[in-house]
């Protein structure tokens, strides 16, 4: 009985660990319709027009893949798209834990986008520090 419980725990723990990433294989249709909510592991997308994730993967990381060169500090929660995504317009929400702030104040957080060479602020972003 203990063996079965331990095996079940390991199986479900593995599923939880794998749930941090989403993979959409090329040729597979995966589209988020306009104004529909898509949520995965703390990232919420609500596109204002249909958004196609065909051939993309989204991974949650605790460190930046492309660190900021200005010495800026980032929270310990970021999302990496495997390739350039189609143009996106809509709401992006990132849920985080207080322990992921790395000493930053919630009211000073800003959203930045890496374009392949530099990080730039998303000028239309708002910060709801609640």
N, C-alpha and C. Protein backbone atom coordinates (compact mmCIF):
# COMPACT_ATOMS: atom_id res chain seq x y z
N UNK A 1 0.83 -1.20 0.00
CA UNK A 1 0.00 0.00 0.00
C UNK A 1 0.87 1.26 0.00
N UNK A 2 1.95 1.27 0.82
CA UNK A 2 2.83 2.43 0.85
C UNK A 2 3.50 2.64 -0.49
N UNK A 3 3.89 1.53 -1.15
CA UNK A 3 4.54 1.64 -2.45
C UNK A 3 3.60 2.30 -3.45
N UNK A 4 2.34 1.90 -3.46
CA UNK A 4 1.37 2.46 -4.39
C UNK A 4 1.16 3.95 -4.11
N UNK A 5 1.09 4.33 -2.84
CA UNK A 5 0.90 5.73 -2.50
C UNK A 5 2.11 6.56 -2.91
N UNK A 6 3.32 6.03 -2.70
CA UNK A 6 4.53 6.74 -3.09
C UNK A 6 4.60 6.87 -4.61
N UNK A 7 4.29 5.79 -5.32
CA UNK A 7 4.30 5.82 -6.77
C UNK A 7 3.27 6.82 -7.31
N UNK A 8 2.08 6.83 -6.71
CA UNK A 8 1.05 7.78 -7.11
C UNK A 8 1.51 9.20 -6.86
N UNK A 9 2.15 9.47 -5.71
CA UNK A 9 2.67 10.79 -5.39
C UNK A 9 3.71 11.23 -6.42
N UNK A 10 4.63 10.33 -6.76
CA UNK A 10 5.67 10.65 -7.75
C UNK A 10 5.03 10.95 -9.10
N UNK A 11 4.04 10.16 -9.50
CA UNK A 11 3.37 10.38 -10.78
C UNK A 11 2.70 11.75 -10.83
N UNK A 12 1.90 12.07 -9.81
CA UNK A 12 1.21 13.35 -9.80
C UNK A 12 2.17 14.52 -9.62
N UNK A 13 3.25 14.34 -8.87
CA UNK A 13 4.26 15.39 -8.74
C UNK A 13 4.89 15.67 -10.11
N UNK A 14 5.14 14.62 -10.88
CA UNK A 14 5.70 14.79 -12.21
C UNK A 14 4.76 15.55 -13.13
N UNK A 15 3.45 15.27 -13.02
CA UNK A 15 2.48 16.00 -13.83
C UNK A 15 2.45 17.47 -13.46
N UNK A 16 2.53 17.77 -12.18
CA UNK A 16 2.53 19.16 -11.74
C UNK A 16 3.77 19.88 -12.26
N UNK A 17 4.93 19.23 -12.17
CA UNK A 17 6.17 19.85 -12.64
C UNK A 17 6.11 20.10 -14.14
N UNK A 18 5.50 19.19 -14.90
CA UNK A 18 5.41 19.36 -16.34
C UNK A 18 4.40 20.43 -16.73
N UNK A 19 3.49 20.77 -15.84
CA UNK A 19 2.43 21.73 -16.16
C UNK A 19 2.94 23.15 -16.30
N UNK A 20 4.23 23.38 -16.09
CA UNK A 20 4.76 24.73 -16.17
C UNK A 20 4.98 25.20 -17.60
N UNK A 21 4.92 24.33 -18.54
CA UNK A 21 5.18 24.69 -19.92
C UNK A 21 4.02 24.26 -20.80
N UNK A 22 3.84 24.97 -21.91
CA UNK A 22 2.86 24.57 -22.91
C UNK A 22 3.57 24.50 -24.25
N UNK A 23 3.32 23.42 -24.98
CA UNK A 23 3.94 23.22 -26.28
C UNK A 23 2.84 23.03 -27.32
N UNK A 24 2.91 23.77 -28.41
CA UNK A 24 1.96 23.62 -29.51
C UNK A 24 2.80 23.28 -30.74
N UNK A 25 2.66 22.06 -31.21
CA UNK A 25 3.48 21.60 -32.31
C UNK A 25 3.07 22.25 -33.62
N UNK A 26 4.05 22.48 -34.49
CA UNK A 26 3.80 23.07 -35.79
C UNK A 26 2.77 22.23 -36.54
N UNK A 27 1.82 22.90 -37.14
CA UNK A 27 0.76 22.20 -37.86
C UNK A 27 -0.46 21.93 -37.00
N UNK A 28 -0.34 22.19 -35.70
CA UNK A 28 -1.46 22.02 -34.79
C UNK A 28 -2.14 23.37 -34.63
N UNK A 29 -3.42 23.39 -34.77
CA UNK A 29 -4.16 24.64 -34.63
C UNK A 29 -4.48 24.87 -33.16
N UNK A 30 -3.96 25.96 -32.62
CA UNK A 30 -4.28 26.35 -31.25
C UNK A 30 -4.43 27.86 -31.26
N UNK A 31 -5.65 28.29 -31.23
CA UNK A 31 -5.94 29.70 -31.33
C UNK A 31 -6.76 30.14 -30.14
N UNK A 32 -6.38 31.27 -29.55
CA UNK A 32 -7.18 31.87 -28.48
C UNK A 32 -8.09 32.88 -29.17
N UNK A 33 -9.37 32.67 -29.06
CA UNK A 33 -10.34 33.57 -29.71
C UNK A 33 -10.32 34.94 -29.05
N UNK A 34 -10.78 35.93 -29.78
CA UNK A 34 -10.85 37.30 -29.26
C UNK A 34 -11.68 37.34 -27.98
N UNK A 35 -11.14 38.04 -26.99
CA UNK A 35 -11.79 38.26 -25.69
C UNK A 35 -12.00 36.99 -24.86
N UNK A 36 -11.35 35.89 -25.23
CA UNK A 36 -11.40 34.66 -24.43
C UNK A 36 -10.18 34.64 -23.52
N UNK A 37 -10.34 34.09 -22.33
CA UNK A 37 -9.26 34.04 -21.35
C UNK A 37 -8.51 32.73 -21.47
N UNK A 38 -7.18 32.82 -21.59
CA UNK A 38 -6.30 31.65 -21.59
C UNK A 38 -5.34 31.82 -20.42
N UNK A 39 -5.28 30.82 -19.54
CA UNK A 39 -4.43 30.91 -18.36
C UNK A 39 -3.56 29.67 -18.26
N UNK A 40 -2.27 29.87 -18.06
CA UNK A 40 -1.36 28.76 -17.80
C UNK A 40 -0.30 29.20 -16.81
N UNK A 41 -0.27 28.56 -15.68
CA UNK A 41 0.77 28.71 -14.68
C UNK A 41 1.13 30.16 -14.35
N UNK A 42 0.12 30.96 -14.07
CA UNK A 42 0.36 32.34 -13.65
C UNK A 42 0.39 33.36 -14.77
N UNK A 43 0.25 32.93 -16.01
CA UNK A 43 0.21 33.83 -17.16
C UNK A 43 -1.20 33.79 -17.75
N UNK A 44 -1.82 34.95 -17.85
CA UNK A 44 -3.16 35.05 -18.43
C UNK A 44 -3.10 35.93 -19.67
N UNK A 45 -3.65 35.43 -20.75
CA UNK A 45 -3.75 36.17 -22.00
C UNK A 45 -5.23 36.32 -22.36
N UNK A 46 -5.63 37.54 -22.68
CA UNK A 46 -6.98 37.82 -23.18
C UNK A 46 -6.80 38.68 -24.43
N UNK A 47 -6.65 38.05 -25.59
CA UNK A 47 -6.39 38.83 -26.81
C UNK A 47 -7.62 39.60 -27.27
N UNK A 48 -7.39 40.78 -27.85
CA UNK A 48 -8.49 41.57 -28.39
C UNK A 48 -8.88 41.10 -29.79
N UNK A 49 -8.00 40.32 -30.42
CA UNK A 49 -8.34 39.64 -31.68
C UNK A 49 -7.72 38.25 -31.59
N UNK A 50 -8.16 37.34 -32.43
CA UNK A 50 -7.68 35.96 -32.37
C UNK A 50 -6.15 35.91 -32.35
N UNK A 51 -5.60 35.04 -31.50
CA UNK A 51 -4.15 34.91 -31.35
C UNK A 51 -3.77 33.46 -31.56
N UNK A 52 -2.91 33.19 -32.55
CA UNK A 52 -2.53 31.84 -32.94
C UNK A 52 -1.21 31.44 -32.27
N UNK A 53 -1.23 30.32 -31.56
CA UNK A 53 -0.02 29.81 -30.89
C UNK A 53 0.62 28.66 -31.66
N UNK A 54 0.26 28.46 -32.91
CA UNK A 54 0.77 27.35 -33.71
C UNK A 54 2.31 27.36 -33.73
N UNK A 55 2.92 26.26 -33.34
CA UNK A 55 4.37 26.11 -33.38
C UNK A 55 5.13 26.80 -32.26
N UNK A 56 4.43 27.31 -31.26
CA UNK A 56 5.10 28.01 -30.15
C UNK A 56 5.07 27.18 -28.88
N UNK A 57 6.00 27.45 -28.01
CA UNK A 57 5.93 26.94 -26.65
C UNK A 57 6.10 28.12 -25.71
N UNK A 58 5.49 28.03 -24.55
CA UNK A 58 5.60 29.06 -23.52
C UNK A 58 6.14 28.38 -22.28
N UNK A 59 7.28 28.86 -21.80
CA UNK A 59 7.91 28.27 -20.61
C UNK A 59 7.99 29.30 -19.50
N UNK A 60 7.66 28.88 -18.30
CA UNK A 60 7.82 29.74 -17.13
C UNK A 60 9.22 29.51 -16.58
N UNK A 61 9.94 30.60 -16.34
CA UNK A 61 11.30 30.52 -15.80
C UNK A 61 11.41 31.39 -14.54
N UNK A 62 12.42 31.12 -13.75
CA UNK A 62 12.68 31.95 -12.58
C UNK A 62 13.77 32.98 -12.84
N UNK A 63 14.48 32.84 -13.94
CA UNK A 63 15.51 33.81 -14.33
C UNK A 63 15.32 34.18 -15.79
N UNK A 64 15.81 35.34 -16.17
CA UNK A 64 15.71 35.78 -17.55
C UNK A 64 16.67 35.00 -18.43
N UNK A 65 16.20 34.58 -19.59
CA UNK A 65 17.06 33.90 -20.56
C UNK A 65 18.04 34.90 -21.16
N UNK A 66 17.59 36.12 -21.35
CA UNK A 66 18.41 37.20 -21.89
C UNK A 66 18.48 38.28 -20.82
N UNK A 67 19.46 38.20 -19.91
CA UNK A 67 19.51 39.15 -18.79
C UNK A 67 19.60 40.61 -19.24
N UNK A 68 19.03 41.47 -18.42
CA UNK A 68 19.11 42.91 -18.69
C UNK A 68 20.56 43.35 -18.54
N UNK A 69 21.03 44.18 -19.45
CA UNK A 69 22.43 44.63 -19.41
C UNK A 69 22.61 45.86 -18.54
N UNK A 70 21.53 46.52 -18.19
CA UNK A 70 21.65 47.76 -17.41
C UNK A 70 21.77 47.50 -15.91
N UNK A 71 21.82 46.22 -15.52
CA UNK A 71 21.88 45.91 -14.10
C UNK A 71 20.52 45.94 -13.43
N UNK A 72 19.48 46.06 -14.21
CA UNK A 72 18.11 46.09 -13.66
C UNK A 72 17.78 44.74 -13.02
N UNK A 73 16.99 44.79 -11.99
CA UNK A 73 16.54 43.59 -11.31
C UNK A 73 15.18 43.18 -11.85
N UNK A 74 14.97 41.90 -11.99
CA UNK A 74 13.68 41.38 -12.45
C UNK A 74 13.09 40.49 -11.37
N UNK A 75 11.78 40.34 -11.41
CA UNK A 75 11.16 39.40 -10.48
C UNK A 75 11.53 37.98 -10.91
N UNK A 76 11.35 37.03 -10.01
CA UNK A 76 11.72 35.63 -10.30
C UNK A 76 10.58 34.89 -10.98
N UNK A 77 9.95 35.53 -11.93
CA UNK A 77 8.90 34.89 -12.73
C UNK A 77 8.89 35.57 -14.09
N UNK A 78 9.23 34.80 -15.11
CA UNK A 78 9.20 35.34 -16.46
C UNK A 78 8.74 34.22 -17.39
N UNK A 79 8.29 34.61 -18.55
CA UNK A 79 7.76 33.65 -19.52
C UNK A 79 8.51 33.82 -20.82
N UNK A 80 8.94 32.70 -21.38
CA UNK A 80 9.71 32.69 -22.62
C UNK A 80 8.88 32.03 -23.71
N UNK A 81 8.65 32.78 -24.79
CA UNK A 81 8.03 32.22 -25.97
C UNK A 81 9.15 31.65 -26.83
N UNK A 82 8.98 30.46 -27.38
CA UNK A 82 10.05 29.78 -28.09
C UNK A 82 10.47 30.47 -29.38
N UNK A 83 9.62 31.27 -29.94
CA UNK A 83 9.92 31.97 -31.19
C UNK A 83 9.13 33.26 -31.20
N UNK A 84 9.41 34.09 -32.18
CA UNK A 84 8.61 35.30 -32.31
C UNK A 84 7.16 34.90 -32.53
N UNK A 85 6.30 35.49 -31.74
CA UNK A 85 4.88 35.18 -31.86
C UNK A 85 4.25 36.15 -32.85
N UNK A 86 3.08 35.81 -33.34
CA UNK A 86 2.36 36.78 -34.16
C UNK A 86 2.09 38.04 -33.34
N UNK A 87 1.76 39.13 -34.01
CA UNK A 87 1.44 40.37 -33.31
C UNK A 87 0.33 40.11 -32.30
N UNK A 88 0.48 40.66 -31.11
CA UNK A 88 -0.50 40.44 -30.04
C UNK A 88 -1.03 41.78 -29.56
N UNK A 89 -2.34 41.83 -29.42
CA UNK A 89 -2.99 42.99 -28.84
C UNK A 89 -4.02 42.45 -27.85
N UNK A 90 -3.97 42.96 -26.63
CA UNK A 90 -4.90 42.50 -25.62
C UNK A 90 -4.30 42.62 -24.24
N UNK A 91 -4.88 41.91 -23.32
CA UNK A 91 -4.43 41.95 -21.93
C UNK A 91 -3.47 40.80 -21.64
N UNK A 92 -2.40 41.12 -20.92
CA UNK A 92 -1.47 40.11 -20.41
C UNK A 92 -1.39 40.34 -18.91
N UNK A 93 -1.63 39.30 -18.16
CA UNK A 93 -1.55 39.41 -16.69
C UNK A 93 -0.56 38.36 -16.20
N UNK A 94 0.34 38.80 -15.32
CA UNK A 94 1.30 37.89 -14.71
C UNK A 94 1.04 37.88 -13.21
N UNK A 95 0.65 36.72 -12.70
CA UNK A 95 0.45 36.55 -11.27
C UNK A 95 1.78 36.10 -10.66
N UNK A 96 2.13 36.65 -9.52
CA UNK A 96 3.40 36.30 -8.89
C UNK A 96 3.21 36.26 -7.38
N UNK A 97 4.17 35.66 -6.72
CA UNK A 97 4.19 35.59 -5.27
C UNK A 97 5.08 36.69 -4.72
N UNK A 98 4.78 37.17 -3.52
CA UNK A 98 5.61 38.23 -2.92
C UNK A 98 7.08 37.82 -2.85
N UNK A 99 7.35 36.54 -2.62
CA UNK A 99 8.73 36.06 -2.54
C UNK A 99 9.48 36.12 -3.86
N UNK A 100 8.78 36.35 -4.96
CA UNK A 100 9.42 36.42 -6.28
C UNK A 100 9.81 37.85 -6.66
N UNK A 101 9.58 38.82 -5.80
CA UNK A 101 9.84 40.22 -6.12
C UNK A 101 11.31 40.61 -6.08
N UNK A 102 12.17 39.81 -5.48
CA UNK A 102 13.61 40.12 -5.41
C UNK A 102 13.88 41.50 -4.82
N UNK A 103 13.09 41.88 -3.81
CA UNK A 103 13.31 43.17 -3.15
C UNK A 103 12.68 44.36 -3.84
N UNK A 104 12.03 44.14 -4.97
CA UNK A 104 11.38 45.23 -5.71
C UNK A 104 10.05 45.59 -5.05
N UNK A 105 9.62 46.82 -5.23
CA UNK A 105 8.34 47.29 -4.73
C UNK A 105 7.30 47.08 -5.82
N UNK A 106 6.15 46.51 -5.46
CA UNK A 106 5.11 46.22 -6.46
C UNK A 106 4.72 47.45 -7.28
N UNK A 107 4.62 48.58 -6.65
CA UNK A 107 4.16 49.77 -7.36
C UNK A 107 5.15 50.27 -8.42
N UNK A 108 6.41 49.79 -8.38
CA UNK A 108 7.40 50.23 -9.36
C UNK A 108 7.64 49.20 -10.47
N UNK A 109 6.92 48.08 -10.43
CA UNK A 109 7.11 47.06 -11.46
C UNK A 109 6.66 47.57 -12.82
N UNK A 110 7.36 47.14 -13.85
CA UNK A 110 6.98 47.48 -15.21
C UNK A 110 7.16 46.27 -16.09
N UNK A 111 6.44 46.25 -17.18
CA UNK A 111 6.51 45.16 -18.14
C UNK A 111 7.49 45.55 -19.24
N UNK A 112 8.38 44.61 -19.58
CA UNK A 112 9.35 44.84 -20.65
C UNK A 112 9.29 43.69 -21.64
N UNK A 113 9.68 43.97 -22.86
CA UNK A 113 9.69 42.98 -23.93
C UNK A 113 11.10 42.91 -24.52
N UNK A 114 11.59 41.69 -24.74
CA UNK A 114 12.89 41.50 -25.36
C UNK A 114 12.67 41.27 -26.85
N UNK A 115 13.25 42.12 -27.69
CA UNK A 115 13.02 42.04 -29.14
C UNK A 115 14.09 41.27 -29.89
N UNK A 116 14.96 40.58 -29.17
CA UNK A 116 16.05 39.83 -29.80
C UNK A 116 17.40 40.48 -29.57
N UNK A 117 17.40 41.76 -29.20
CA UNK A 117 18.67 42.43 -28.91
C UNK A 117 18.60 43.32 -27.67
N UNK A 118 17.46 43.95 -27.41
CA UNK A 118 17.35 44.82 -26.22
C UNK A 118 15.98 44.65 -25.56
N UNK A 119 15.93 45.03 -24.30
CA UNK A 119 14.68 45.06 -23.54
C UNK A 119 14.07 46.45 -23.69
N UNK A 120 12.79 46.50 -23.99
CA UNK A 120 12.10 47.79 -24.09
C UNK A 120 10.83 47.74 -23.25
N UNK A 121 10.51 48.86 -22.58
CA UNK A 121 9.27 48.90 -21.79
C UNK A 121 8.03 48.82 -22.68
N UNK A 122 7.02 48.15 -22.18
CA UNK A 122 5.73 48.12 -22.87
C UNK A 122 4.99 49.36 -22.39
N UNK A 123 4.85 50.34 -23.28
CA UNK A 123 4.34 51.66 -22.87
C UNK A 123 2.86 51.65 -22.52
N UNK A 124 2.12 50.67 -23.02
CA UNK A 124 0.68 50.65 -22.72
C UNK A 124 0.37 49.79 -21.49
N UNK A 125 1.39 49.37 -20.76
CA UNK A 125 1.19 48.51 -19.60
C UNK A 125 0.70 49.32 -18.40
N UNK A 126 -0.12 48.69 -17.60
CA UNK A 126 -0.56 49.27 -16.33
C UNK A 126 -0.17 48.32 -15.22
N UNK A 127 -0.03 48.86 -14.04
CA UNK A 127 0.41 48.08 -12.90
C UNK A 127 -0.68 48.08 -11.84
N UNK A 128 -1.23 46.90 -11.59
CA UNK A 128 -2.23 46.75 -10.54
C UNK A 128 -1.57 45.99 -9.40
N UNK A 129 -1.05 46.69 -8.45
CA UNK A 129 -0.26 46.09 -7.36
C UNK A 129 -1.15 45.59 -6.24
N UNK A 130 -2.26 44.94 -6.58
CA UNK A 130 -3.13 44.38 -5.53
C UNK A 130 -3.06 42.89 -5.52
